[in-house]
Amino acid sequence: MGPDGGSIVNISSLAGLRASKGIAYVGTKWAVRGMTKTAARELGPRGIRVNSIHPGIILTPMLDAWSDEDLKTRTAQVPLGRAGLPEDVVHIVLFLLSDFSRYISGAEIAIDGGLSV
């Protein structure tokens, strides 16, 4: 794409798509949405695409603080019936960084097994 162009993928959270507990954490995740939209508009003329991803329950060390019962209860609410894996997130990021998404900018992609619907 010449000197201009490229792709930025901002990582937010499901907490950035719907209200939940934790004003500081949730507030920062909503801020990522606003920055993404603004950057997509401002950088678009330079051929730079900007999108955000919003992971839900993903099996990472962040969940180590949850009890097994809590994880089971929360995962039961996911329409696909399971927690996500890190590679579920990686595949979407790679897609957004690739030319396969060359006409996608300003998008918010939930990676949450349908939990946000």
N, C-alpha and C. Protein backbone atom coordinates (compact mmCIF):
# COMPACT_ATOMS: atom_id res chain seq x y z
N MET A 1 0.80 -1.20 0.00
CA MET A 1 0.00 0.00 0.00
C MET A 1 0.84 1.27 0.00
N GLY A 2 2.03 1.31 -0.42
CA GLY A 2 2.79 2.54 -0.47
C GLY A 2 3.16 3.04 0.91
N PRO A 3 3.58 4.33 1.01
CA PRO A 3 4.01 4.86 2.31
C PRO A 3 2.87 5.00 3.31
N ASP A 4 1.67 5.27 2.81
CA ASP A 4 0.51 5.31 3.69
C ASP A 4 -0.13 3.93 3.68
N GLY A 5 -1.12 3.76 4.50
CA GLY A 5 -1.85 2.50 4.54
C GLY A 5 -1.45 1.69 5.75
N GLY A 6 -2.22 0.68 6.00
CA GLY A 6 -1.95 -0.19 7.12
C GLY A 6 -3.22 -0.50 7.88
N SER A 7 -3.04 -1.18 8.99
CA SER A 7 -4.17 -1.60 9.79
C SER A 7 -3.80 -1.54 11.27
N ILE A 8 -4.69 -0.97 12.04
CA ILE A 8 -4.56 -0.91 13.49
C ILE A 8 -5.72 -1.70 14.09
N VAL A 9 -5.41 -2.58 15.03
CA VAL A 9 -6.45 -3.32 15.74
C VAL A 9 -6.33 -2.98 17.22
N ASN A 10 -7.34 -2.30 17.73
CA ASN A 10 -7.40 -1.97 19.15
C ASN A 10 -8.12 -3.08 19.89
N ILE A 11 -7.60 -3.41 21.06
CA ILE A 11 -8.21 -4.48 21.85
C ILE A 11 -8.96 -3.87 23.02
N SER A 12 -10.26 -4.09 23.03
CA SER A 12 -11.12 -3.62 24.10
C SER A 12 -11.58 -4.84 24.88
N SER A 13 -12.85 -4.96 25.10
CA SER A 13 -13.43 -6.05 25.88
C SER A 13 -14.93 -6.05 25.66
N LEU A 14 -15.55 -7.15 26.00
CA LEU A 14 -17.01 -7.20 25.98
C LEU A 14 -17.56 -6.10 26.90
N ALA A 15 -16.79 -5.75 27.92
CA ALA A 15 -17.20 -4.68 28.83
C ALA A 15 -17.27 -3.33 28.13
N GLY A 16 -16.70 -3.22 26.95
CA GLY A 16 -16.80 -2.01 26.16
C GLY A 16 -18.01 -1.98 25.26
N LEU A 17 -18.79 -3.03 25.27
CA LEU A 17 -20.00 -3.11 24.44
C LEU A 17 -21.28 -3.07 25.24
N ARG A 18 -21.16 -3.36 26.54
CA ARG A 18 -22.36 -3.35 27.39
C ARG A 18 -21.96 -2.98 28.81
N ALA A 19 -22.89 -2.44 29.53
CA ALA A 19 -22.61 -2.02 30.89
C ALA A 19 -22.30 -3.22 31.78
N SER A 20 -21.35 -3.04 32.66
CA SER A 20 -21.02 -4.06 33.65
C SER A 20 -20.35 -3.38 34.84
N LYS A 21 -19.98 -4.15 35.84
CA LYS A 21 -19.35 -3.60 37.04
C LYS A 21 -17.91 -3.18 36.75
N GLY A 22 -17.45 -2.19 37.52
CA GLY A 22 -16.06 -1.76 37.43
C GLY A 22 -15.90 -0.51 36.60
N ILE A 23 -16.26 0.64 37.15
CA ILE A 23 -16.32 1.88 36.37
C ILE A 23 -14.99 2.22 35.69
N ALA A 24 -13.87 2.02 36.37
CA ALA A 24 -12.58 2.37 35.76
C ALA A 24 -12.27 1.44 34.59
N TYR A 25 -12.41 0.13 34.80
CA TYR A 25 -12.14 -0.84 33.73
C TYR A 25 -13.10 -0.64 32.56
N VAL A 26 -14.37 -0.59 32.86
CA VAL A 26 -15.39 -0.45 31.82
C VAL A 26 -15.22 0.88 31.08
N GLY A 27 -14.94 1.94 31.82
CA GLY A 27 -14.74 3.24 31.19
C GLY A 27 -13.61 3.24 30.18
N THR A 28 -12.52 2.58 30.51
CA THR A 28 -11.40 2.52 29.57
C THR A 28 -11.74 1.71 28.33
N LYS A 29 -12.54 0.68 28.50
CA LYS A 29 -12.92 -0.16 27.35
C LYS A 29 -13.88 0.59 26.42
N TRP A 30 -14.77 1.39 26.99
CA TRP A 30 -15.64 2.22 26.16
C TRP A 30 -14.82 3.30 25.46
N ALA A 31 -13.80 3.82 26.12
CA ALA A 31 -12.94 4.83 25.50
C ALA A 31 -12.23 4.27 24.27
N VAL A 32 -11.85 3.02 24.32
CA VAL A 32 -11.21 2.39 23.15
C VAL A 32 -12.15 2.43 21.95
N ARG A 33 -13.44 2.24 22.18
CA ARG A 33 -14.41 2.32 21.07
C ARG A 33 -14.39 3.70 20.43
N GLY A 34 -14.43 4.73 21.25
CA GLY A 34 -14.43 6.09 20.73
C GLY A 34 -13.15 6.42 19.99
N MET A 35 -12.02 6.02 20.55
CA MET A 35 -10.74 6.25 19.88
C MET A 35 -10.67 5.51 18.55
N THR A 36 -11.20 4.31 18.53
CA THR A 36 -11.18 3.52 17.30
C THR A 36 -11.99 4.20 16.21
N LYS A 37 -13.21 4.62 16.55
CA LYS A 37 -14.08 5.28 15.56
C LYS A 37 -13.44 6.57 15.05
N THR A 38 -12.90 7.37 15.96
CA THR A 38 -12.29 8.63 15.57
C THR A 38 -11.05 8.40 14.71
N ALA A 39 -10.22 7.47 15.12
CA ALA A 39 -9.01 7.16 14.34
C ALA A 39 -9.37 6.62 12.97
N ALA A 40 -10.41 5.80 12.87
CA ALA A 40 -10.82 5.26 11.57
C ALA A 40 -11.21 6.40 10.63
N ARG A 41 -11.93 7.36 11.15
CA ARG A 41 -12.35 8.51 10.33
C ARG A 41 -11.16 9.40 9.96
N GLU A 42 -10.29 9.68 10.93
CA GLU A 42 -9.18 10.59 10.68
C GLU A 42 -8.06 9.96 9.85
N LEU A 43 -7.81 8.68 10.02
CA LEU A 43 -6.71 8.02 9.31
C LEU A 43 -7.14 7.37 8.00
N GLY A 44 -8.45 7.23 7.80
CA GLY A 44 -8.96 6.63 6.56
C GLY A 44 -8.42 7.26 5.29
N PRO A 45 -8.36 8.60 5.20
CA PRO A 45 -7.83 9.22 3.98
C PRO A 45 -6.38 8.83 3.67
N ARG A 46 -5.67 8.33 4.67
CA ARG A 46 -4.29 7.87 4.45
C ARG A 46 -4.24 6.38 4.18
N GLY A 47 -5.40 5.76 4.04
CA GLY A 47 -5.46 4.33 3.76
C GLY A 47 -5.23 3.46 4.97
N ILE A 48 -5.34 4.05 6.16
CA ILE A 48 -5.13 3.28 7.39
C ILE A 48 -6.48 2.87 7.95
N ARG A 49 -6.65 1.58 8.12
CA ARG A 49 -7.88 1.03 8.68
C ARG A 49 -7.70 0.85 10.18
N VAL A 50 -8.75 1.16 10.94
CA VAL A 50 -8.70 1.04 12.39
C VAL A 50 -9.97 0.33 12.86
N ASN A 51 -9.80 -0.77 13.55
CA ASN A 51 -10.92 -1.57 14.05
C ASN A 51 -10.66 -1.96 15.49
N SER A 52 -11.71 -2.40 16.17
CA SER A 52 -11.53 -2.87 17.54
C SER A 52 -12.14 -4.25 17.70
N ILE A 53 -11.52 -5.02 18.59
CA ILE A 53 -12.06 -6.32 18.94
C ILE A 53 -12.49 -6.26 20.40
N HIS A 54 -13.49 -7.09 20.72
CA HIS A 54 -14.10 -7.07 22.06
C HIS A 54 -14.24 -8.50 22.56
N PRO A 55 -13.15 -9.06 23.10
CA PRO A 55 -13.23 -10.43 23.61
C PRO A 55 -14.14 -10.54 24.82
N GLY A 56 -14.80 -11.67 24.90
CA GLY A 56 -15.62 -12.00 26.07
C GLY A 56 -14.82 -12.90 26.99
N ILE A 57 -15.38 -14.03 27.34
CA ILE A 57 -14.72 -14.97 28.25
C ILE A 57 -13.70 -15.78 27.44
N ILE A 58 -12.44 -15.45 27.63
CA ILE A 58 -11.35 -16.12 26.92
C ILE A 58 -10.45 -16.78 27.96
N LEU A 59 -10.11 -18.03 27.74
CA LEU A 59 -9.29 -18.78 28.71
C LEU A 59 -7.85 -18.28 28.69
N THR A 60 -7.61 -17.26 29.51
CA THR A 60 -6.28 -16.68 29.68
C THR A 60 -5.99 -16.59 31.18
N PRO A 61 -4.77 -16.25 31.55
CA PRO A 61 -4.45 -16.11 32.98
C PRO A 61 -5.33 -15.10 33.71
N MET A 62 -5.96 -14.18 33.00
CA MET A 62 -6.85 -13.22 33.65
C MET A 62 -8.00 -13.93 34.37
N LEU A 63 -8.38 -15.09 33.87
CA LEU A 63 -9.48 -15.83 34.49
C LEU A 63 -9.04 -16.68 35.68
N ASP A 64 -7.75 -16.72 35.96
CA ASP A 64 -7.26 -17.49 37.10
C ASP A 64 -7.88 -17.00 38.41
N ALA A 65 -8.31 -15.76 38.45
CA ALA A 65 -8.92 -15.21 39.66
C ALA A 65 -10.34 -15.74 39.87
N TRP A 66 -10.93 -16.34 38.83
CA TRP A 66 -12.29 -16.87 38.94
C TRP A 66 -12.25 -18.27 39.52
N SER A 67 -13.24 -18.59 40.34
CA SER A 67 -13.36 -19.97 40.83
C SER A 67 -13.87 -20.84 39.69
N ASP A 68 -13.68 -22.14 39.81
CA ASP A 68 -14.18 -23.06 38.79
C ASP A 68 -15.70 -22.92 38.65
N GLU A 69 -16.38 -22.74 39.78
CA GLU A 69 -17.84 -22.58 39.77
C GLU A 69 -18.25 -21.30 39.04
N ASP A 70 -17.53 -20.22 39.29
CA ASP A 70 -17.82 -18.95 38.63
C ASP A 70 -17.61 -19.07 37.12
N LEU A 71 -16.53 -19.70 36.72
CA LEU A 71 -16.27 -19.91 35.29
C LEU A 71 -17.37 -20.75 34.66
N LYS A 72 -17.79 -21.79 35.36
CA LYS A 72 -18.85 -22.65 34.84
C LYS A 72 -20.17 -21.88 34.71
N THR A 73 -20.50 -21.08 35.71
CA THR A 73 -21.74 -20.30 35.69
C THR A 73 -21.73 -19.28 34.56
N ARG A 74 -20.63 -18.57 34.43
CA ARG A 74 -20.55 -17.54 33.37
C ARG A 74 -20.51 -18.16 31.98
N THR A 75 -19.79 -19.24 31.82
CA THR A 75 -19.70 -19.91 30.53
C THR A 75 -21.05 -20.47 30.11
N ALA A 76 -21.86 -20.87 31.07
CA ALA A 76 -23.20 -21.40 30.77
C ALA A 76 -24.08 -20.34 30.10
N GLN A 77 -23.75 -19.07 30.26
CA GLN A 77 -24.51 -17.98 29.65
C GLN A 77 -24.11 -17.71 28.20
N VAL A 78 -23.01 -18.30 27.76
CA VAL A 78 -22.51 -18.09 26.40
C VAL A 78 -23.32 -18.97 25.44
N PRO A 79 -23.97 -18.37 24.43
CA PRO A 79 -24.78 -19.16 23.51
C PRO A 79 -24.02 -20.33 22.85
N LEU A 80 -22.73 -20.16 22.58
CA LEU A 80 -21.97 -21.28 22.00
C LEU A 80 -21.55 -22.30 23.04
N GLY A 81 -21.83 -22.02 24.32
CA GLY A 81 -21.64 -23.00 25.38
C GLY A 81 -20.23 -23.25 25.85
N ARG A 82 -19.32 -22.35 25.55
CA ARG A 82 -17.94 -22.56 25.98
C ARG A 82 -17.22 -21.21 26.08
N ALA A 83 -16.12 -21.24 26.80
CA ALA A 83 -15.24 -20.07 26.82
C ALA A 83 -14.41 -20.08 25.55
N GLY A 84 -13.95 -18.91 25.16
CA GLY A 84 -13.10 -18.82 23.99
C GLY A 84 -11.66 -19.19 24.32
N LEU A 85 -10.92 -19.47 23.28
CA LEU A 85 -9.50 -19.77 23.40
C LEU A 85 -8.69 -18.60 22.84
N PRO A 86 -7.46 -18.42 23.29
CA PRO A 86 -6.66 -17.32 22.75
C PRO A 86 -6.59 -17.32 21.22
N GLU A 87 -6.53 -18.49 20.62
CA GLU A 87 -6.46 -18.54 19.15
C GLU A 87 -7.74 -18.04 18.49
N ASP A 88 -8.87 -18.07 19.19
CA ASP A 88 -10.10 -17.49 18.64
C ASP A 88 -9.93 -15.98 18.45
N VAL A 89 -9.18 -15.36 19.33
CA VAL A 89 -8.90 -13.94 19.22
C VAL A 89 -7.84 -13.69 18.15
N VAL A 90 -6.78 -14.48 18.18
CA VAL A 90 -5.68 -14.33 17.23
C VAL A 90 -6.17 -14.39 15.79
N HIS A 91 -7.07 -15.32 15.48
CA HIS A 91 -7.55 -15.47 14.10
C HIS A 91 -8.25 -14.20 13.62
N ILE A 92 -9.03 -13.57 14.48
CA ILE A 92 -9.72 -12.33 14.08
C ILE A 92 -8.72 -11.20 13.91
N VAL A 93 -7.75 -11.10 14.80
CA VAL A 93 -6.73 -10.06 14.67
C VAL A 93 -5.96 -10.23 13.37
N LEU A 94 -5.55 -11.45 13.06
CA LEU A 94 -4.83 -11.70 11.80
C LEU A 94 -5.68 -11.33 10.59
N PHE A 95 -6.96 -11.65 10.64
CA PHE A 95 -7.88 -11.27 9.57
C PHE A 95 -7.92 -9.75 9.40
N LEU A 96 -8.06 -9.03 10.51
CA LEU A 96 -8.15 -7.57 10.45
C LEU A 96 -6.85 -6.92 9.99
N LEU A 97 -5.74 -7.57 10.24
CA LEU A 97 -4.45 -7.04 9.79
C LEU A 97 -4.17 -7.37 8.33
N SER A 98 -4.89 -8.32 7.79
CA SER A 98 -4.63 -8.79 6.43
C SER A 98 -5.42 -8.01 5.38
N ASP A 99 -5.07 -8.25 4.13
CA ASP A 99 -5.80 -7.64 3.01
C ASP A 99 -7.19 -8.23 2.83
N PHE A 100 -7.49 -9.34 3.50
CA PHE A 100 -8.84 -9.90 3.42
C PHE A 100 -9.87 -8.95 4.03
N SER A 101 -9.41 -8.02 4.86
CA SER A 101 -10.32 -7.06 5.49
C SER A 101 -10.07 -5.64 4.98
N ARG A 102 -9.60 -5.52 3.76
CA ARG A 102 -9.14 -4.23 3.25
C ARG A 102 -10.21 -3.15 3.14
N TYR A 103 -11.49 -3.54 3.25
CA TYR A 103 -12.57 -2.54 3.19
C TYR A 103 -13.34 -2.48 4.50
N ILE A 104 -12.70 -2.89 5.58
CA ILE A 104 -13.32 -2.85 6.90
C ILE A 104 -12.55 -1.84 7.75
N SER A 105 -13.24 -0.81 8.22
CA SER A 105 -12.63 0.17 9.10
C SER A 105 -13.71 0.76 10.01
N GLY A 106 -13.34 0.95 11.25
CA GLY A 106 -14.29 1.47 12.24
C GLY A 106 -15.19 0.40 12.82
N ALA A 107 -14.90 -0.86 12.52
CA ALA A 107 -15.75 -1.96 12.98
C ALA A 107 -15.41 -2.35 14.43
N GLU A 108 -16.40 -2.89 15.09
CA GLU A 108 -16.26 -3.43 16.43
C GLU A 108 -16.66 -4.89 16.35
N ILE A 109 -15.73 -5.78 16.61
CA ILE A 109 -16.01 -7.20 16.48
C ILE A 109 -15.99 -7.85 17.86
N ALA A 110 -17.14 -8.39 18.25
CA ALA A 110 -17.24 -9.13 19.51
C ALA A 110 -16.76 -10.54 19.27
N ILE A 111 -15.85 -10.98 20.11
CA ILE A 111 -15.34 -12.36 20.06
C ILE A 111 -15.77 -12.97 21.39
N ASP A 112 -17.04 -13.38 21.42
CA ASP A 112 -17.64 -13.73 22.72
C ASP A 112 -18.61 -14.91 22.68
N GLY A 113 -18.59 -15.66 21.61
CA GLY A 113 -19.48 -16.82 21.53
C GLY A 113 -20.95 -16.44 21.52
N GLY A 114 -21.26 -15.19 21.21
CA GLY A 114 -22.65 -14.73 21.17
C GLY A 114 -23.15 -14.12 22.47
N LEU A 115 -22.27 -13.96 23.45
CA LEU A 115 -22.69 -13.46 24.76
C LEU A 115 -23.27 -12.04 24.69
N SER A 116 -22.83 -11.25 23.73
CA SER A 116 -23.29 -9.87 23.65
C SER A 116 -24.63 -9.71 22.94
N VAL A 117 -25.16 -10.77 22.39
CA VAL A 117 -26.45 -10.65 21.69
C VAL A 117 -27.62 -10.95 22.60
